[in-house]
PDB file of all heavy atoms in Angstrom:
ATOM      1  N   TYR A   1     133.516  38.309 199.787  1.00  0.00           N
ATOM      2  CA  TYR A   1     133.893  38.365 201.194  1.00  0.00           C
ATOM      3  C   TYR A   1     134.635  39.673 201.510  1.00  0.00           C
ATOM      4  O   TYR A   1     135.226  40.296 200.630  1.00  0.00           O
ATOM      5  CB  TYR A   1     134.809  37.194 201.550  1.00  0.00           C
ATOM      6  CG  TYR A   1     134.232  35.849 201.211  1.00  0.00           C
ATOM      7  CD1 TYR A   1     134.583  35.205 200.022  1.00  0.00           C
ATOM      8  CD2 TYR A   1     133.345  35.211 202.065  1.00  0.00           C
ATOM      9  CE1 TYR A   1     134.061  33.965 199.698  1.00  0.00           C
ATOM     10  CE2 TYR A   1     132.817  33.977 201.751  1.00  0.00           C
ATOM     11  CZ  TYR A   1     133.175  33.364 200.567  1.00  0.00           C
ATOM     12  OH  TYR A   1     132.648  32.131 200.251  1.00  0.00           O
ATOM     13  N   LEU A   2     134.603  40.032 202.777  1.00  0.00           N
ATOM     14  CA  LEU A   2     135.446  41.103 203.273  1.00  0.00           C
ATOM     15  C   LEU A   2     136.056  40.629 204.580  1.00  0.00           C
ATOM     16  O   LEU A   2     135.370  40.541 205.598  1.00  0.00           O
ATOM     17  CB  LEU A   2     134.662  42.399 203.487  1.00  0.00           C
ATOM     18  CG  LEU A   2     135.517  43.599 203.887  1.00  0.00           C
ATOM     19  CD1 LEU A   2     136.432  44.017 202.724  1.00  0.00           C
ATOM     20  CD2 LEU A   2     134.652  44.778 204.325  1.00  0.00           C
ATOM     21  N   GLN A   3     137.332  40.281 204.532  1.00  0.00           N
ATOM     22  CA  GLN A   3     138.055  39.891 205.733  1.00  0.00           C
ATOM     23  C   GLN A   3     138.565  41.153 206.398  1.00  0.00           C
ATOM     24  O   GLN A   3     139.335  41.905 205.792  1.00  0.00           O
ATOM     25  CB  GLN A   3     139.220  38.962 205.391  1.00  0.00           C
ATOM     26  CG  GLN A   3     140.056  38.555 206.590  1.00  0.00           C
ATOM     27  CD  GLN A   3     139.293  37.689 207.573  1.00  0.00           C
ATOM     28  OE1 GLN A   3     138.573  36.791 207.186  1.00  0.00           O
ATOM     29  NE2 GLN A   3     139.458  37.975 208.864  1.00  0.00           N
ATOM     30  N   MET A   4     138.156  41.380 207.623  1.00  0.00           N
ATOM     31  CA  MET A   4     138.517  42.595 208.339  1.00  0.00           C
ATOM     32  C   MET A   4     139.362  42.222 209.551  1.00  0.00           C
ATOM     33  O   MET A   4     138.881  41.539 210.458  1.00  0.00           O
ATOM     34  CB  MET A   4     137.260  43.347 208.776  1.00  0.00           C
ATOM     35  CG  MET A   4     136.326  43.672 207.629  1.00  0.00           C
ATOM     36  SD  MET A   4     134.917  44.693 208.139  1.00  0.00           S
ATOM     37  CE  MET A   4     134.077  43.561 209.226  1.00  0.00           C
ATOM     38  N   ASN A   5     140.605  42.654 209.550  1.00  0.00           N
ATOM     39  CA  ASN A   5     141.534  42.390 210.643  1.00  0.00           C
ATOM     40  C   ASN A   5     141.903  43.685 211.347  1.00  0.00           C
ATOM     41  O   ASN A   5     141.735  44.776 210.801  1.00  0.00           O
ATOM     42  CB  ASN A   5     142.799  41.719 210.110  1.00  0.00           C
ATOM     43  CG  ASN A   5     142.520  40.378 209.473  1.00  0.00           C
ATOM     44  OD1 ASN A   5     141.583  39.664 209.851  1.00  0.00           O
ATOM     45  ND2 ASN A   5     143.325  40.014 208.487  1.00  0.00           N
ATOM     46  N   LYS A   6     142.418  43.551 212.547  1.00  0.00           N
ATOM     47  CA  LYS A   6     142.869  44.715 213.327  1.00  0.00           C
ATOM     48  C   LYS A   6     141.792  45.791 213.357  1.00  0.00           C
ATOM     49  O   LYS A   6     142.066  46.965 213.084  1.00  0.00           O
ATOM     50  CB  LYS A   6     144.172  45.252 212.757  1.00  0.00           C
ATOM     51  CG  LYS A   6     145.306  44.253 212.763  1.00  0.00           C
ATOM     52  CD  LYS A   6     146.577  44.834 212.149  1.00  0.00           C
ATOM     53  CE  LYS A   6     147.693  43.810 212.134  1.00  0.00           C
ATOM     54  NZ  LYS A   6     148.931  44.357 211.509  1.00  0.00           N
ATOM     55  N   LEU A   7     140.590  45.396 213.694  1.00  0.00           N
ATOM     56  CA  LEU A   7     139.473  46.330 213.682  1.00  0.00           C
ATOM     57  C   LEU A   7     139.645  47.433 214.711  1.00  0.00           C
ATOM     58  O   LEU A   7     140.214  47.227 215.794  1.00  0.00           O
ATOM     59  CB  LEU A   7     138.163  45.589 213.915  1.00  0.00           C
ATOM     60  CG  LEU A   7     137.646  44.831 212.686  1.00  0.00           C
ATOM     61  CD1 LEU A   7     136.628  43.780 213.076  1.00  0.00           C
ATOM     62  CD2 LEU A   7     137.049  45.809 211.679  1.00  0.00           C
ATOM     63  N   LYS A   8     139.153  48.603 214.347  1.00  0.00           N
ATOM     64  CA  LYS A   8     139.235  49.795 215.184  1.00  0.00           C
ATOM     65  C   LYS A   8     137.824  50.316 215.454  1.00  0.00           C
ATOM     66  O   LYS A   8     136.901  50.062 214.663  1.00  0.00           O
ATOM     67  CB  LYS A   8     140.039  50.879 214.465  1.00  0.00           C
ATOM     68  CG  LYS A   8     141.424  50.460 214.022  1.00  0.00           C
ATOM     69  CD  LYS A   8     142.079  51.565 213.212  1.00  0.00           C
ATOM     70  CE  LYS A   8     143.471  51.166 212.743  1.00  0.00           C
ATOM     71  NZ  LYS A   8     144.113  52.246 211.945  1.00  0.00           N
ATOM     72  N   PRO A   9     137.654  51.082 216.523  1.00  0.00           N
ATOM     73  CA  PRO A   9     136.321  51.652 216.788  1.00  0.00           C
ATOM     74  C   PRO A   9     135.781  52.468 215.616  1.00  0.00           C
ATOM     75  O   PRO A   9     134.563  52.470 215.374  1.00  0.00           O
ATOM     76  CB  PRO A   9     136.568  52.529 218.018  1.00  0.00           C
ATOM     77  CG  PRO A   9     137.687  51.859 218.729  1.00  0.00           C
ATOM     78  CD  PRO A   9     138.585  51.332 217.627  1.00  0.00           C
ATOM     79  N   GLU A  10     136.663  53.112 214.879  1.00  0.00           N
ATOM     80  CA  GLU A  10     136.206  53.928 213.738  1.00  0.00           C
ATOM     81  C   GLU A  10     135.734  53.081 212.563  1.00  0.00           C
ATOM     82  O   GLU A  10     135.204  53.623 211.579  1.00  0.00           O
ATOM     83  CB  GLU A  10     137.304  54.890 213.283  1.00  0.00           C
ATOM     84  CG  GLU A  10     138.665  54.258 213.047  1.00  0.00           C
ATOM     85  CD  GLU A  10     139.573  54.399 214.264  1.00  0.00           C
ATOM     86  OE1 GLU A  10     139.107  54.174 215.400  1.00  0.00           O
ATOM     87  OE2 GLU A  10     140.772  54.721 214.057  1.00  0.00           O
ATOM     88  N   ASP A  11     135.887  51.763 212.647  1.00  0.00           N
ATOM     89  CA  ASP A  11     135.328  50.876 211.632  1.00  0.00           C
ATOM     90  C   ASP A  11     133.856  50.559 211.912  1.00  0.00           C
ATOM     91  O   ASP A  11     133.199  49.913 211.092  1.00  0.00           O
ATOM     92  CB  ASP A  11     136.105  49.560 211.572  1.00  0.00           C
ATOM     93  CG  ASP A  11     137.537  49.743 211.111  1.00  0.00           C
ATOM     94  OD1 ASP A  11     137.754  50.515 210.151  1.00  0.00           O
ATOM     95  OD2 ASP A  11     138.436  49.111 211.691  1.00  0.00           O
ATOM     96  N   THR A  12     133.368  50.998 213.047  1.00  0.00           N
ATOM     97  CA  THR A  12     131.971  50.758 213.393  1.00  0.00           C
ATOM     98  C   THR A  12     131.051  51.406 212.368  1.00  0.00           C
ATOM     99  O   THR A  12     131.147  52.609 212.099  1.00  0.00           O
ATOM    100  CB  THR A  12     131.662  51.316 214.787  1.00  0.00           C
ATOM    101  OG1 THR A  12     132.416  50.574 215.763  1.00  0.00           O
ATOM    102  CG2 THR A  12     130.179  51.201 215.111  1.00  0.00           C
ATOM    103  N   ALA A  13     130.159  50.602 211.798  1.00  0.00           N
ATOM    104  CA  ALA A  13     129.269  51.086 210.748  1.00  0.00           C
ATOM    105  C   ALA A  13     128.355  49.953 210.306  1.00  0.00           C
ATOM    106  O   ALA A  13     128.565  48.788 210.667  1.00  0.00           O
ATOM    107  CB  ALA A  13     130.071  51.596 209.546  1.00  0.00           C
ATOM    108  N   VAL A  14     127.379  50.301 209.507  1.00  0.00           N
ATOM    109  CA  VAL A  14     126.616  49.303 208.763  1.00  0.00           C
ATOM    110  C   VAL A  14     127.348  49.093 207.443  1.00  0.00           C
ATOM    111  O   VAL A  14     127.645  50.054 206.735  1.00  0.00           O
ATOM    112  CB  VAL A  14     125.173  49.764 208.509  1.00  0.00           C
ATOM    113  CG1 VAL A  14     124.436  48.723 207.669  1.00  0.00           C
ATOM    114  CG2 VAL A  14     124.446  50.003 209.822  1.00  0.00           C
ATOM    115  N   TYR A  15     127.654  47.850 207.145  1.00  0.00           N
ATOM    116  CA  TYR A  15     128.399  47.509 205.935  1.00  0.00           C
ATOM    117  C   TYR A  15     127.428  46.982 204.881  1.00  0.00           C
ATOM    118  O   TYR A  15     126.623  46.084 205.153  1.00  0.00           O
ATOM    119  CB  TYR A  15     129.465  46.476 206.251  1.00  0.00           C
ATOM    120  CG  TYR A  15     130.660  47.086 206.946  1.00  0.00           C
ATOM    121  CD1 TYR A  15     130.583  47.535 208.258  1.00  0.00           C
ATOM    122  CD2 TYR A  15     131.870  47.241 206.274  1.00  0.00           C
ATOM    123  CE1 TYR A  15     131.670  48.127 208.883  1.00  0.00           C
ATOM    124  CE2 TYR A  15     132.969  47.814 206.891  1.00  0.00           C
ATOM    125  CZ  TYR A  15     132.859  48.257 208.200  1.00  0.00           C
ATOM    126  OH  TYR A  15     133.943  48.842 208.810  1.00  0.00           O
ATOM    127  N   TYR A  16     127.556  47.534 203.678  1.00  0.00           N
ATOM    128  CA  TYR A  16     126.679  47.190 202.575  1.00  0.00           C
ATOM    129  C   TYR A  16     127.454  46.525 201.446  1.00  0.00           C
ATOM    130  O   TYR A  16     128.545  46.963 201.078  1.00  0.00           O
ATOM    131  CB  TYR A  16     125.993  48.437 202.021  1.00  0.00           C
ATOM    132  CG  TYR A  16     125.071  49.127 202.997  1.00  0.00           C
ATOM    133  CD1 TYR A  16     125.547  50.138 203.820  1.00  0.00           C
ATOM    134  CD2 TYR A  16     123.732  48.771 203.085  1.00  0.00           C
ATOM    135  CE1 TYR A  16     124.713  50.785 204.714  1.00  0.00           C
ATOM    136  CE2 TYR A  16     122.881  49.412 203.974  1.00  0.00           C
ATOM    137  CZ  TYR A  16     123.381  50.408 204.790  1.00  0.00           C
ATOM    138  OH  TYR A  16     122.537  51.045 205.672  1.00  0.00           O
ATOM    139  N   CYS A  17     126.849  45.511 200.891  1.00  0.00           N
ATOM    140  CA  CYS A  17     127.355  44.848 199.697  1.00  0.00           C
ATOM    141  C   CYS A  17     126.653  45.459 198.491  1.00  0.00           C
ATOM    142  O   CYS A  17     125.455  45.768 198.564  1.00  0.00           O
ATOM    143  CB  CYS A  17     127.054  43.356 199.801  1.00  0.00           C
ATOM    144  SG  CYS A  17     127.213  42.416 198.296  1.00  0.00           S
ATOM    145  N   ALA A  18     127.376  45.617 197.395  1.00  0.00           N
ATOM    146  CA  ALA A  18     126.787  46.202 196.198  1.00  0.00           C
ATOM    147  C   ALA A  18     127.323  45.509 194.954  1.00  0.00           C
ATOM    148  O   ALA A  18     128.463  45.036 194.940  1.00  0.00           O
ATOM    149  CB  ALA A  18     127.075  47.699 196.138  1.00  0.00           C
ATOM    150  N   ALA A  19     126.487  45.490 193.910  1.00  0.00           N
ATOM    151  CA  ALA A  19     126.860  44.840 192.652  1.00  0.00           C
ATOM    152  C   ALA A  19     126.462  45.717 191.479  1.00  0.00           C
ATOM    153  O   ALA A  19     125.432  46.395 191.513  1.00  0.00           O
ATOM    154  CB  ALA A  19     126.176  43.483 192.538  1.00  0.00           C
ATOM    155  N   GLY A  20     127.278  45.684 190.435  1.00  0.00           N
ATOM    156  CA  GLY A  20     126.965  46.409 189.222  1.00  0.00           C
ATOM    157  C   GLY A  20     127.480  45.660 188.013  1.00  0.00           C
ATOM    158  O   GLY A  20     128.573  45.084 188.064  1.00  0.00           O
ATOM    159  N   PRO A  21     126.743  45.621 186.910  1.00  0.00           N
ATOM    160  CA  PRO A  21     127.209  44.910 185.711  1.00  0.00           C
ATOM    161  C   PRO A  21     128.450  45.578 185.134  1.00  0.00           C
ATOM    162  O   PRO A  21     128.546  46.803 185.082  1.00  0.00           O
ATOM    163  CB  PRO A  21     126.020  45.008 184.765  1.00  0.00           C
ATOM    164  CG  PRO A  21     125.250  46.200 185.232  1.00  0.00           C
ATOM    165  CD  PRO A  21     125.444  46.269 186.700  1.00  0.00           C
ATOM    166  N   LEU A  22     129.400  44.761 184.697  1.00  0.00           N
ATOM    167  CA  LEU A  22     130.651  45.278 184.162  1.00  0.00           C
ATOM    168  C   LEU A  22     130.530  45.739 182.716  1.00  0.00           C
ATOM    169  O   LEU A  22     131.237  46.656 182.297  1.00  0.00           O
ATOM    170  CB  LEU A  22     131.721  44.188 184.250  1.00  0.00           C
ATOM    171  CG  LEU A  22     132.157  43.813 185.658  1.00  0.00           C
ATOM    172  CD1 LEU A  22     132.912  42.494 185.643  1.00  0.00           C
ATOM    173  CD2 LEU A  22     133.025  44.903 186.259  1.00  0.00           C
ATOM    174  N   PHE A  23     129.621  45.137 181.966  1.00  0.00           N
ATOM    175  CA  PHE A  23     129.529  45.410 180.538  1.00  0.00           C
ATOM    176  C   PHE A  23     129.217  46.874 180.274  1.00  0.00           C
ATOM    177  O   PHE A  23     128.278  47.443 180.835  1.00  0.00           O
ATOM    178  CB  PHE A  23     128.457  44.534 179.902  1.00  0.00           C
ATOM    179  CG  PHE A  23     128.298  44.757 178.425  1.00  0.00           C
ATOM    180  CD1 PHE A  23     129.218  44.228 177.536  1.00  0.00           C
ATOM    181  CD2 PHE A  23     127.253  45.524 177.921  1.00  0.00           C
ATOM    182  CE1 PHE A  23     129.097  44.441 176.173  1.00  0.00           C
ATOM    183  CE2 PHE A  23     127.120  45.744 176.562  1.00  0.00           C
ATOM    184  CZ  PHE A  23     128.040  45.195 175.692  1.00  0.00           C
ATOM    185  N   GLY A  24     130.021  47.478 179.414  1.00  0.00           N
ATOM    186  CA  GLY A  24     129.760  48.843 178.995  1.00  0.00           C
ATOM    187  C   GLY A  24     130.117  49.912 180.002  1.00  0.00           C
ATOM    188  O   GLY A  24     129.764  51.081 179.821  1.00  0.00           O
ATOM    189  N   ARG A  25     130.826  49.521 181.034  1.00  0.00           N
ATOM    190  CA  ARG A  25     131.169  50.492 182.078  1.00  0.00           C
ATOM    191  C   ARG A  25     132.672  50.667 182.164  1.00  0.00           C
ATOM    192  O   ARG A  25     133.444  49.845 181.709  1.00  0.00           O
ATOM    193  CB  ARG A  25     130.595  50.037 183.415  1.00  0.00           C
ATOM    194  CG  ARG A  25     129.069  50.003 183.377  1.00  0.00           C
ATOM    195  CD  ARG A  25     128.437  49.892 184.717  1.00  0.00           C
ATOM    196  NE  ARG A  25     126.986  49.973 184.595  1.00  0.00           N
ATOM    197  CZ  ARG A  25     126.160  49.930 185.604  1.00  0.00           C
ATOM    198  NH1 ARG A  25     126.627  49.816 186.851  1.00  0.00           N
ATOM    199  NH2 ARG A  25     124.861  50.012 185.413  1.00  0.00           N
ATOM    200  N   PRO A  26     133.104  51.774 182.778  1.00  0.00           N
ATOM    201  CA  PRO A  26     134.546  52.019 182.923  1.00  0.00           C
ATOM    202  C   PRO A  26     135.217  50.935 183.767  1.00  0.00           C
ATOM    203  O   PRO A  26     134.543  50.128 184.416  1.00  0.00           O
ATOM    204  CB  PRO A  26     134.608  53.366 183.646  1.00  0.00           C
ATOM    205  CG  PRO A  26     133.251  53.944 183.599  1.00  0.00           C
ATOM    206  CD  PRO A  26     132.295  52.829 183.381  1.00  0.00           C
ATOM    207  N   GLU A  27     136.537  50.982 183.765  1.00  0.00           N
ATOM    208  CA  GLU A  27     137.289  50.074 184.627  1.00  0.00           C
ATOM    209  C   GLU A  27     136.852  50.283 186.074  1.00  0.00           C
ATOM    210  O   GLU A  27     136.617  51.410 186.509  1.00  0.00           O
ATOM    211  CB  GLU A  27     138.786  50.372 184.482  1.00  0.00           C
ATOM    212  CG  GLU A  27     139.686  49.344 185.112  1.00  0.00           C
ATOM    213  CD  GLU A  27     141.154  49.649 184.828  1.00  0.00           C
ATOM    214  OE1 GLU A  27     141.438  50.463 183.930  1.00  0.00           O
ATOM    215  OE2 GLU A  27     142.003  49.084 185.531  1.00  0.00           O
ATOM    216  N   ILE A  28     136.775  49.220 186.810  1.00  0.00           N
ATOM    217  CA  ILE A  28     136.153  49.278 188.125  1.00  0.00           C
ATOM    218  C   ILE A  28     136.883  50.195 189.093  1.00  0.00           C
ATOM    219  O   ILE A  28     136.293  50.693 190.058  1.00  0.00           O
ATOM    220  CB  ILE A  28     136.010  47.847 188.702  1.00  0.00           C
ATOM    221  CG1 ILE A  28     134.965  47.834 189.813  1.00  0.00           C
ATOM    222  CG2 ILE A  28     137.355  47.306 189.160  1.00  0.00           C
ATOM    223  CD1 ILE A  28     134.543  46.463 190.246  1.00  0.00           C
ATOM    224  N   ARG A  29     138.141  50.471 188.846  1.00  0.00           N
ATOM    225  CA  ARG A  29     138.871  51.371 189.741  1.00  0.00           C
ATOM    226  C   ARG A  29     138.258  52.769 189.748  1.00  0.00           C
ATOM    227  O   ARG A  29     138.478  53.545 190.670  1.00  0.00           O
ATOM    228  CB  ARG A  29     140.339  51.461 189.337  1.00  0.00           C
ATOM    229  CG  ARG A  29     140.617  52.274 188.096  1.00  0.00           C
ATOM    230  CD  ARG A  29     142.099  52.464 187.876  1.00  0.00           C
ATOM    231  NE  ARG A  29     142.781  51.230 187.556  1.00  0.00           N
ATOM    232  CZ  ARG A  29     144.104  51.099 187.489  1.00  0.00           C
ATOM    233  NH1 ARG A  29     144.871  52.129 187.761  1.00  0.00           N
ATOM    234  NH2 ARG A  29     144.659  49.957 187.175  1.00  0.00           N
ATOM    235  N   HIS A  30     137.497  53.073 188.702  1.00  0.00           N
ATOM    236  CA  HIS A  30     136.895  54.405 188.568  1.00  0.00           C
ATOM    237  C   HIS A  30     135.449  54.423 189.054  1.00  0.00           C
ATOM    238  O   HIS A  30     134.793  55.464 188.976  1.00  0.00           O
ATOM    239  CB  HIS A  30     136.952  54.864 187.119  1.00  0.00           C
ATOM    240  CG  HIS A  30     138.336  54.935 186.573  1.00  0.00           C
ATOM    241  ND1 HIS A  30     139.312  55.738 187.127  1.00  0.00           N
ATOM    242  CD2 HIS A  30     138.925  54.295 185.525  1.00  0.00           C
ATOM    243  CE1 HIS A  30     140.434  55.590 186.444  1.00  0.00           C
ATOM    244  NE2 HIS A  30     140.233  54.722 185.476  1.00  0.00           N
ATOM    245  N   TRP A  31     134.944  53.301 189.550  1.00  0.00           N
ATOM    246  CA  TRP A  31     133.544  53.244 189.937  1.00  0.00           C
ATOM    247  C   TRP A  31     133.268  54.028 191.203  1.00  0.00           C
ATOM    248  O   TRP A  31     134.035  53.992 192.164  1.00  0.00           O
ATOM    249  CB  TRP A  31     133.116  51.799 190.153  1.00  0.00           C
ATOM    250  CG  TRP A  31     132.879  51.038 188.895  1.00  0.00           C
ATOM    251  CD1 TRP A  31     133.387  51.315 187.652  1.00  0.00           C
ATOM    252  CD2 TRP A  31     132.084  49.873 188.758  1.00  0.00           C
ATOM    253  NE1 TRP A  31     132.945  50.376 186.760  1.00  0.00           N
ATOM    254  CE2 TRP A  31     132.151  49.487 187.391  1.00  0.00           C
ATOM    255  CE3 TRP A  31     131.323  49.113 189.640  1.00  0.00           C
ATOM    256  CZ2 TRP A  31     131.473  48.376 186.905  1.00  0.00           C
ATOM    257  CZ3 TRP A  31     130.648  48.006 189.156  1.00  0.00           C
ATOM    258  CH2 TRP A  31     130.727  47.646 187.801  1.00  0.00           C
ATOM    259  N   GLY A  32     132.113  54.691 191.172  1.00  0.00           N
ATOM    260  CA  GLY A  32     131.561  55.290 192.371  1.00  0.00           C
ATOM    261  C   GLY A  32     130.260  54.594 192.714  1.00  0.00           C
ATOM    262  O   GLY A  32     129.860  53.643 192.040  1.00  0.00           O
ATOM    263  N   PRO A  33     129.588  55.060 193.764  1.00  0.00           N
ATOM    264  CA  PRO A  33     128.339  54.398 194.183  1.00  0.00           C
ATOM    265  C   PRO A  33     127.312  54.285 193.057  1.00  0.00           C
ATOM    266  O   PRO A  33     126.545  53.311 193.022  1.00  0.00           O
ATOM    267  CB  PRO A  33     127.824  55.308 195.300  1.00  0.00           C
ATOM    268  CG  PRO A  33     129.048  55.959 195.841  1.00  0.00           C
ATOM    269  CD  PRO A  33     129.957  56.153 194.657  1.00  0.00           C
ATOM    270  N   ASN A  34     127.295  55.233 192.137  1.00  0.00           N
ATOM    271  CA  ASN A  34     126.297  55.216 191.059  1.00  0.00           C
ATOM    272  C   ASN A  34     126.502  54.067 190.083  1.00  0.00           C
ATOM    273  O   ASN A  34     125.607  53.755 189.292  1.00  0.00           O
ATOM    274  CB  ASN A  34     126.309  56.543 190.307  1.00  0.00           C
ATOM    275  CG  ASN A  34     125.754  57.685 191.141  1.00  0.00           C
ATOM    276  OD1 ASN A  34     125.022  57.454 192.096  1.00  0.00           O
ATOM    277  ND2 ASN A  34     126.121  58.898 190.794  1.00  0.00           N
ATOM    278  N   ASN A  35     127.676  53.431 190.083  1.00  0.00           N
ATOM    279  CA  ASN A  35     127.919  52.303 189.188  1.00  0.00           C
ATOM    280  C   ASN A  35     127.373  50.992 189.752  1.00  0.00           C
ATOM    281  O   ASN A  35     127.376  49.974 189.069  1.00  0.00           O
ATOM    282  CB  ASN A  35     129.416  52.144 188.932  1.00  0.00           C
ATOM    283  CG  ASN A  35     129.964  53.280 188.082  1.00  0.00           C
ATOM    284  OD1 ASN A  35     130.696  54.130 188.579  1.00  0.00           O
ATOM    285  ND2 ASN A  35     129.608  53.321 186.813  1.00  0.00           N
ATOM    286  N   PHE A  36     126.958  51.022 190.999  1.00  0.00           N
ATOM    287  CA  PHE A  36     126.431  49.820 191.640  1.00  0.00           C
ATOM    288  C   PHE A  36     124.904  49.890 191.625  1.00  0.00           C
ATOM    289  O   PHE A  36     124.303  50.790 192.215  1.00  0.00           O
ATOM    290  CB  PHE A  36     126.946  49.700 193.072  1.00  0.00           C
ATOM    291  CG  PHE A  36     128.422  49.451 193.144  1.00  0.00           C
ATOM    292  CD1 PHE A  36     129.319  50.505 193.243  1.00  0.00           C
ATOM    293  CD2 PHE A  36     128.922  48.162 193.103  1.00  0.00           C
ATOM    294  CE1 PHE A  36     130.688  50.273 193.290  1.00  0.00           C
ATOM    295  CE2 PHE A  36     130.286  47.921 193.158  1.00  0.00           C
ATOM    296  CZ  PHE A  36     131.172  48.979 193.258  1.00  0.00           C
ATOM    297  N   ASP A  37     124.281  48.951 190.925  1.00  0.00           N
ATOM    298  CA  ASP A  37     122.832  48.966 190.736  1.00  0.00           C
ATOM    299  C   ASP A  37     122.077  48.227 191.834  1.00  0.00           C
ATOM    300  O   ASP A  37     120.892  48.485 192.045  1.00  0.00           O
ATOM    301  CB  ASP A  37     122.482  48.324 189.400  1.00  0.00           C
ATOM    302  CG  ASP A  37     123.061  49.103 188.228  1.00  0.00           C
ATOM    303  OD1 ASP A  37     123.270  50.324 188.371  1.00  0.00           O
ATOM    304  OD2 ASP A  37     123.312  48.495 187.173  1.00  0.00           O
ATOM    305  N   TYR A  38     122.748  47.292 192.490  1.00  0.00           N
ATOM    306  CA  TYR A  38     122.058  46.425 193.446  1.00  0.00           C
ATOM    307  C   TYR A  38     122.759  46.484 194.792  1.00  0.00           C
ATOM    308  O   TYR A  38     123.987  46.356 194.876  1.00  0.00           O
ATOM    309  CB  TYR A  38     122.024  44.995 192.921  1.00  0.00           C
ATOM    310  CG  TYR A  38     121.490  44.897 191.519  1.00  0.00           C
ATOM    311  CD1 TYR A  38     122.340  44.701 190.432  1.00  0.00           C
ATOM    312  CD2 TYR A  38     120.125  45.035 191.273  1.00  0.00           C
ATOM    313  CE1 TYR A  38     121.855  44.653 189.140  1.00  0.00           C
ATOM    314  CE2 TYR A  38     119.631  44.977 189.979  1.00  0.00           C
ATOM    315  CZ  TYR A  38     120.492  44.787 188.925  1.00  0.00           C
ATOM    316  OH  TYR A  38     120.001  44.737 187.642  1.00  0.00           O
ATOM    317  N   TRP A  39     121.957  46.684 195.824  1.00  0.00           N
ATOM    318  CA  TRP A  39     122.487  46.865 197.171  1.00  0.00           C
ATOM    319  C   TRP A  39     121.794  45.918 198.148  1.00  0.00           C
ATOM    320  O   TRP A  39     120.601  45.649 198.018  1.00  0.00           O
ATOM    321  CB  TRP A  39     122.253  48.312 197.630  1.00  0.00           C
ATOM    322  CG  TRP A  39     123.029  49.318 196.845  1.00  0.00           C
ATOM    323  CD1 TRP A  39     122.717  49.821 195.614  1.00  0.00           C
ATOM    324  CD2 TRP A  39     124.250  49.955 197.233  1.00  0.00           C
ATOM    325  NE1 TRP A  39     123.678  50.722 195.209  1.00  0.00           N
ATOM    326  CE2 TRP A  39     124.623  50.830 196.198  1.00  0.00           C
ATOM    327  CE3 TRP A  39     125.057  49.875 198.366  1.00  0.00           C
ATOM    328  CZ2 TRP A  39     125.779  51.612 196.241  1.00  0.00           C
ATOM    329  CZ3 TRP A  39     126.194  50.652 198.417  1.00  0.00           C
ATOM    330  CH2 TRP A  39     126.552  51.514 197.368  1.00  0.00           C
ATOM    331  N   GLY A  40     122.551  45.462 199.141  1.00  0.00           N
ATOM    332  CA  GLY A  40     121.970  44.680 200.204  1.00  0.00           C
ATOM    333  C   GLY A  40     121.391  45.564 201.294  1.00  0.00           C
ATOM    334  O   GLY A  40     121.455  46.797 201.208  1.00  0.00           O
ATOM    335  N   GLN A  41     120.850  44.914 202.316  1.00  0.00           N
ATOM    336  CA  GLN A  41     120.229  45.641 203.414  1.00  0.00           C
ATOM    337  C   GLN A  41     121.239  46.072 204.471  1.00  0.00           C
ATOM    338  O   GLN A  41     120.910  46.891 205.336  1.00  0.00           O
ATOM    339  CB  GLN A  41     119.151  44.769 204.053  1.00  0.00           C
ATOM    340  CG  GLN A  41     117.979  44.495 203.132  1.00  0.00           C
ATOM    341  CD  GLN A  41     117.294  45.762 202.703  1.00  0.00           C
ATOM    342  OE1 GLN A  41     116.884  46.583 203.529  1.00  0.00           O
ATOM    343  NE2 GLN A  41     117.149  45.969 201.397  1.00  0.00           N
TER     344      GLN A  41
END
């Protein structure tokens, strides 16, 4: 989930969900888009 409060006009965008396997990868705080293998529409 993503609970979004106090929304602003600059939050306007298409929001994408992404998933990536944790095994063998760095700590998630260091992840960039390339660590996410699966994306929604």
